[in-house]
Amino acid sequence: SRTLLTLGLVNALYETALYVFVFVWTPSLERRSPRPLSHGLVFSLFMLCKMVGSQGFSLVSHAVPPRVCLTVVFSGSAIAMAVPLVTSSYEALLFAFCGFECLLGVYWPAIALLRAAEISDGQRSSMMAVFRVLLNALVIGVLLLVGALSEPFIFALAAAMLALCLCATSVFYLPSDAMGGRTNSSLAAFLRVGADGATDGATDGCDSPRESKSSQRRPLVSAESMDDSVNDSVNDSDCEKLCTASPINASTSSKSNATLTCRA
């Protein structure tokens, strides 16, 4: 499936670029900062930007498809990783990194919705495990070379991987070849599951097909009638009379129901 293959490739390339960013943002900012860098403050700023991105996605997700959001994410992230190649300004680099984190907040829910639409629940964990093999191989290979590579080359490599992700998103605009088509509305899926449950609950051979099985399973003797007609001193003969007086319909009740009624 080209759709599933593209999902795995995009997931591996983007998260590899993310790991590269995690390892190089500290020395990059320290080298350009005019004063001692406050790592905790910068990291808190990154987390705030990521939260802003997630909240922004929740506001536009009902109108903008996930594939469009991913297109914006990959294009903006590639530009952010290319900023260190064209300027040495600390402020510009910090702004670009904050933009990258904001787009990261959009990426997680967007890719999750796209995976949910393309991969069935029973296969999602196994498919994601396969995707992780490629991701781990790329991350280990890149991180082993980070110490020996120059900073511009590292950022150029991350920007190239994000550009490949952007090119790969064109597949998401084609008709899906996974699961027989793409489902863009989670509400429609929810309503379909509810309809299937109602269909499964319909009674076969009853007068009203809309009636469920649970409505057909009425107790032979209700709890209130038992409390009114049977007292604590009931004996075995009274129990036999009670069972005889309550005929059991074999089409709606089983032998276990008859035994339980007699024991009551």
Protein backbone atom coordinates (compact mmCIF):
# COMPACT_ATOMS: atom_id res chain seq x y z
CA SER A 1 0.00 0.00 0.00
CA ARG A 2 1.52 3.30 -1.07
CA THR A 3 -0.48 5.17 1.57
CA LEU A 4 0.85 3.06 4.44
CA LEU A 5 4.37 3.18 3.02
CA THR A 6 4.16 6.97 2.84
CA LEU A 7 2.88 7.16 6.41
CA GLY A 8 5.82 5.12 7.63
CA LEU A 9 8.32 7.16 5.61
CA VAL A 10 6.90 10.49 6.79
CA ASN A 11 6.83 9.33 10.40
CA ALA A 12 10.45 8.15 10.28
CA LEU A 13 11.88 11.19 8.47
CA TYR A 14 10.06 13.81 10.51
CA GLU A 15 10.86 12.28 13.89
CA THR A 16 14.49 11.80 12.84
CA ALA A 17 14.67 15.53 12.08
CA LEU A 18 13.03 16.13 15.45
CA TYR A 19 15.70 14.11 17.26
CA VAL A 20 18.40 16.01 15.40
CA PHE A 21 16.82 19.27 16.55
CA VAL A 22 16.70 18.02 20.14
CA PHE A 23 20.44 17.34 20.10
CA VAL A 24 21.62 20.53 18.37
CA TRP A 25 19.38 23.35 19.56
CA THR A 26 21.33 23.82 22.81
CA PRO A 27 24.84 24.27 21.30
CA SER A 28 23.40 26.31 18.44
CA LEU A 29 21.77 28.85 20.76
CA GLU A 30 24.72 28.88 23.16
CA ARG A 31 27.08 29.74 20.32
CA ARG A 32 24.95 32.73 19.28
CA SER A 33 23.65 33.97 22.62
CA PRO A 34 25.17 37.32 23.74
CA ARG A 35 24.72 36.30 27.38
CA PRO A 36 24.66 32.98 29.31
CA LEU A 37 21.76 30.94 27.97
CA SER A 38 18.89 30.11 30.33
CA HIS A 39 18.11 26.57 29.18
CA GLY A 40 15.06 26.20 31.41
CA LEU A 41 13.51 29.40 30.13
CA VAL A 42 14.11 28.46 26.49
CA PHE A 43 12.72 24.96 27.01
CA SER A 44 9.63 26.39 28.72
CA LEU A 45 9.17 28.69 25.74
CA PHE A 46 9.38 25.68 23.42
CA MET A 47 6.70 23.83 25.39
CA LEU A 48 4.46 26.90 25.34
CA CYS A 49 4.81 27.13 21.57
CA LYS A 50 3.96 23.45 21.19
CA MET A 51 0.84 23.91 23.30
CA VAL A 52 -0.17 26.87 21.13
CA GLY A 53 0.20 24.68 18.05
CA SER A 54 -1.94 21.91 19.53
CA GLN A 55 -4.66 24.35 20.54
CA GLY A 56 -4.55 25.95 17.11
CA PHE A 57 -5.06 22.58 15.46
CA SER A 58 -8.08 21.87 17.66
CA LEU A 59 -9.63 25.13 16.45
CA VAL A 60 -9.17 24.47 12.73
CA SER A 61 -9.37 20.66 12.58
CA HIS A 62 -13.11 20.72 11.82
CA ALA A 63 -12.50 22.76 8.66
CA VAL A 64 -8.97 21.81 7.56
CA PRO A 65 -8.11 18.17 6.69
CA PRO A 66 -5.09 16.61 8.43
CA ARG A 67 -3.19 16.25 5.13
CA VAL A 68 -3.37 20.02 4.60
CA CYS A 69 -2.13 20.62 8.14
CA LEU A 70 0.79 18.26 7.52
CA THR A 71 1.67 20.13 4.34
CA VAL A 72 1.90 23.36 6.33
CA VAL A 73 3.87 21.61 9.08
CA PHE A 74 6.50 20.15 6.78
CA SER A 75 6.98 23.29 4.70
CA GLY A 76 7.26 25.53 7.78
CA SER A 77 9.56 23.10 9.58
CA ALA A 78 11.89 22.88 6.59
CA ILE A 79 12.12 26.67 6.49
CA ALA A 80 12.80 26.79 10.25
CA MET A 81 15.66 24.29 9.93
CA ALA A 82 17.12 26.31 7.06
CA VAL A 83 17.30 29.54 9.06
CA PRO A 84 20.69 28.69 10.67
CA LEU A 85 22.10 28.32 7.16
CA VAL A 86 21.38 31.92 6.20
CA THR A 87 21.82 33.89 9.44
CA SER A 88 23.79 33.82 12.67
CA SER A 89 21.37 36.02 14.60
CA TYR A 90 20.40 34.65 17.99
CA GLU A 91 16.93 36.22 17.87
CA ALA A 92 16.20 34.87 14.40
CA LEU A 93 17.35 31.38 15.38
CA LEU A 94 15.27 31.41 18.57
CA PHE A 95 12.21 32.56 16.63
CA ALA A 96 12.73 29.81 14.05
CA PHE A 97 13.06 27.15 16.76
CA CYS A 98 9.87 28.40 18.44
CA GLY A 99 8.09 28.14 15.09
CA PHE A 100 9.36 24.59 14.70
CA GLU A 101 7.96 23.68 18.12
CA CYS A 102 4.63 25.32 17.31
CA LEU A 103 4.35 23.25 14.13
CA LEU A 104 5.33 20.17 16.15
CA GLY A 105 2.21 20.77 18.25
CA VAL A 106 0.18 20.63 15.03
CA TYR A 107 1.98 17.54 13.74
CA TRP A 108 1.11 15.11 16.54
CA PRO A 109 -2.71 15.32 16.35
CA ALA A 110 -2.70 15.64 12.55
CA ILE A 111 -0.60 12.51 11.97
CA ALA A 112 -2.62 10.64 14.61
CA LEU A 113 -5.89 11.41 12.82
CA LEU A 114 -4.41 10.38 9.50
CA ARG A 115 -3.14 7.09 10.95
CA ALA A 116 -6.54 6.41 12.52
CA ALA A 117 -8.21 6.93 9.15
CA GLU A 118 -5.79 4.74 7.21
CA ILE A 119 -4.91 1.90 9.60
CA SER A 120 -7.50 -0.26 11.32
CA ASP A 121 -7.48 -0.58 15.10
CA GLY A 122 -6.41 -4.23 14.98
CA GLN A 123 -3.36 -3.51 12.80
CA ARG A 124 -2.26 -0.12 14.13
CA SER A 125 0.11 -1.34 16.83
CA SER A 126 1.88 -3.83 14.56
CA MET A 127 2.15 -1.33 11.70
CA MET A 128 3.57 1.33 14.00
CA ALA A 129 6.13 -1.18 15.27
CA VAL A 130 7.28 -1.68 11.68
CA PHE A 131 7.51 2.08 11.19
CA ARG A 132 9.61 2.36 14.34
CA VAL A 133 12.25 0.03 12.90
CA LEU A 134 13.05 2.51 10.13
CA LEU A 135 12.87 5.42 12.58
CA ASN A 136 15.30 3.85 15.04
CA ALA A 137 17.74 2.95 12.25
CA LEU A 138 17.74 6.53 10.93
CA VAL A 139 18.03 8.10 14.39
CA ILE A 140 20.96 5.87 15.43
CA GLY A 141 22.78 6.48 12.15
CA VAL A 142 22.33 10.26 12.26
CA LEU A 143 23.17 10.67 15.94
CA LEU A 144 26.35 8.66 15.57
CA LEU A 145 27.52 11.18 12.97
CA VAL A 146 26.33 14.37 14.67
CA GLY A 147 29.57 14.87 16.58
CA ALA A 148 31.67 14.58 13.42
CA LEU A 149 29.52 16.83 11.23
CA SER A 150 29.43 20.60 11.04
CA GLU A 151 26.41 22.51 12.27
CA PRO A 152 25.35 23.81 8.83
CA PHE A 153 25.47 20.29 7.41
CA ILE A 154 23.33 18.95 10.27
CA PHE A 155 20.66 21.60 9.78
CA ALA A 156 20.80 21.09 6.01
CA LEU A 157 20.26 17.36 6.55
CA ALA A 158 17.25 18.00 8.80
CA ALA A 159 15.80 20.47 6.27
CA ALA A 160 16.28 17.91 3.48
CA MET A 161 14.41 15.23 5.45
CA LEU A 162 11.55 17.65 6.08
CA ALA A 163 11.49 18.55 2.39
CA LEU A 164 11.16 14.85 1.56
CA CYS A 165 8.22 14.68 3.99
CA LEU A 166 6.64 17.60 2.16
CA CYS A 167 7.02 15.82 -1.19
CA ALA A 168 5.58 12.61 0.27
CA THR A 169 2.39 14.35 1.43
CA SER A 170 1.25 14.50 -2.20
CA VAL A 171 0.30 10.83 -1.81
CA PHE A 172 -2.25 11.78 0.86
CA TYR A 173 -4.16 13.83 -1.73
CA LEU A 174 -4.66 10.74 -3.91
CA PRO A 175 -7.44 8.18 -3.35
CA SER A 176 -6.40 5.95 -0.48
CA ASP A 177 -5.51 2.32 -1.19
CA ALA A 178 -5.59 1.38 2.52
CA MET A 179 -8.74 -0.06 4.13
CA GLY A 180 -10.66 0.56 0.92
CA GLY A 181 -10.71 4.34 1.23
CA ARG A 182 -10.12 7.21 3.60
CA THR A 183 -12.59 8.19 6.34
CA ASN A 184 -12.27 11.88 7.11
CA SER A 185 -15.18 12.17 9.55
CA SER A 186 -14.85 10.52 12.94
CA LEU A 187 -18.50 11.35 13.63
CA ALA A 188 -19.61 9.32 10.63
CA ALA A 189 -17.55 6.38 11.85
CA PHE A 190 -19.10 6.69 15.30
CA LEU A 191 -22.62 6.75 13.85
CA ARG A 192 -21.83 3.75 11.67
CA VAL A 193 -20.62 1.74 14.66
CA GLY A 194 -23.76 2.68 16.55
CA ALA A 195 -25.92 1.57 13.64
CA ASP A 196 -24.11 -1.75 13.44
CA GLY A 197 -24.71 -2.29 17.14
CA ALA A 198 -28.40 -1.61 16.72
CA THR A 199 -28.56 -4.05 13.80
CA ASP A 200 -26.86 -6.77 15.79
CA GLY A 201 -29.39 -6.24 18.58
CA ALA A 202 -32.42 -6.72 16.32
CA THR A 203 -34.53 -9.82 17.03
CA ASP A 204 -34.86 -12.52 14.38
CA GLY A 205 -38.38 -13.75 13.69
CA CYS A 206 -40.24 -11.36 16.00
CA ASP A 207 -43.26 -9.30 14.99
CA SER A 208 -41.41 -5.95 15.19
CA PRO A 209 -37.89 -6.03 13.65
CA ARG A 210 -36.97 -2.86 15.52
CA GLU A 211 -37.34 -4.55 18.85
CA SER A 212 -34.10 -5.67 20.49
CA LYS A 213 -33.39 -8.98 22.12
CA SER A 214 -33.14 -7.41 25.52
CA SER A 215 -36.73 -6.19 25.26
CA GLN A 216 -37.91 -9.74 24.43
CA ARG A 217 -36.25 -11.30 27.49
CA ARG A 218 -38.89 -10.64 30.11
CA PRO A 219 -38.64 -12.50 33.42
CA LEU A 220 -41.11 -15.34 33.97
CA VAL A 221 -41.90 -14.10 37.45
CA SER A 222 -41.13 -10.52 38.41
CA ALA A 223 -39.40 -9.62 41.65
CA GLU A 224 -42.42 -7.69 42.92
CA SER A 225 -44.86 -10.55 42.28
CA MET A 226 -42.49 -12.98 43.97
CA ASP A 227 -42.31 -10.70 47.03
CA ASP A 228 -46.10 -10.44 47.15
CA SER A 229 -46.99 -14.11 46.50
CA VAL A 230 -44.07 -16.05 47.97
CA ASN A 231 -43.04 -15.60 51.61
CA ASP A 232 -39.92 -16.78 53.42
CA SER A 233 -41.55 -20.04 54.55
CA VAL A 234 -42.19 -21.44 51.09
CA ASN A 235 -41.59 -25.19 50.93
CA ASP A 236 -40.66 -27.62 48.18
CA SER A 237 -44.27 -28.41 47.24
CA ASP A 238 -45.09 -24.74 46.84
CA CYS A 239 -42.03 -24.34 44.65
CA GLU A 240 -43.18 -27.20 42.42
CA LYS A 241 -46.61 -25.62 42.11
CA LEU A 242 -45.00 -22.31 41.22
CA CYS A 243 -42.90 -23.89 38.49
CA THR A 244 -45.92 -25.77 37.14
CA ALA A 245 -48.07 -22.65 37.13
CA SER A 246 -45.46 -20.73 35.14
CA PRO A 247 -45.15 -22.45 31.73
CA ILE A 248 -41.81 -21.91 30.07
CA ASN A 249 -41.64 -21.01 26.43
CA ALA A 250 -38.78 -22.97 24.91
CA SER A 251 -38.29 -20.43 22.15
CA THR A 252 -37.47 -17.59 24.54
CA SER A 253 -36.11 -19.24 27.69
CA SER A 254 -33.59 -21.94 28.37
CA LYS A 255 -33.48 -24.74 30.90
CA SER A 256 -31.20 -22.68 33.10
CA ASN A 257 -33.95 -20.04 33.38
CA ALA A 258 -36.42 -22.70 34.44
CA THR A 259 -34.05 -23.97 37.14
CA LEU A 260 -33.42 -20.48 38.45
CA THR A 261 -37.18 -19.78 38.58
CA CYS A 262 -37.83 -23.00 40.48
CA ARG A 263 -35.05 -22.31 42.98
CA ALA A 264 -36.46 -18.83 43.62
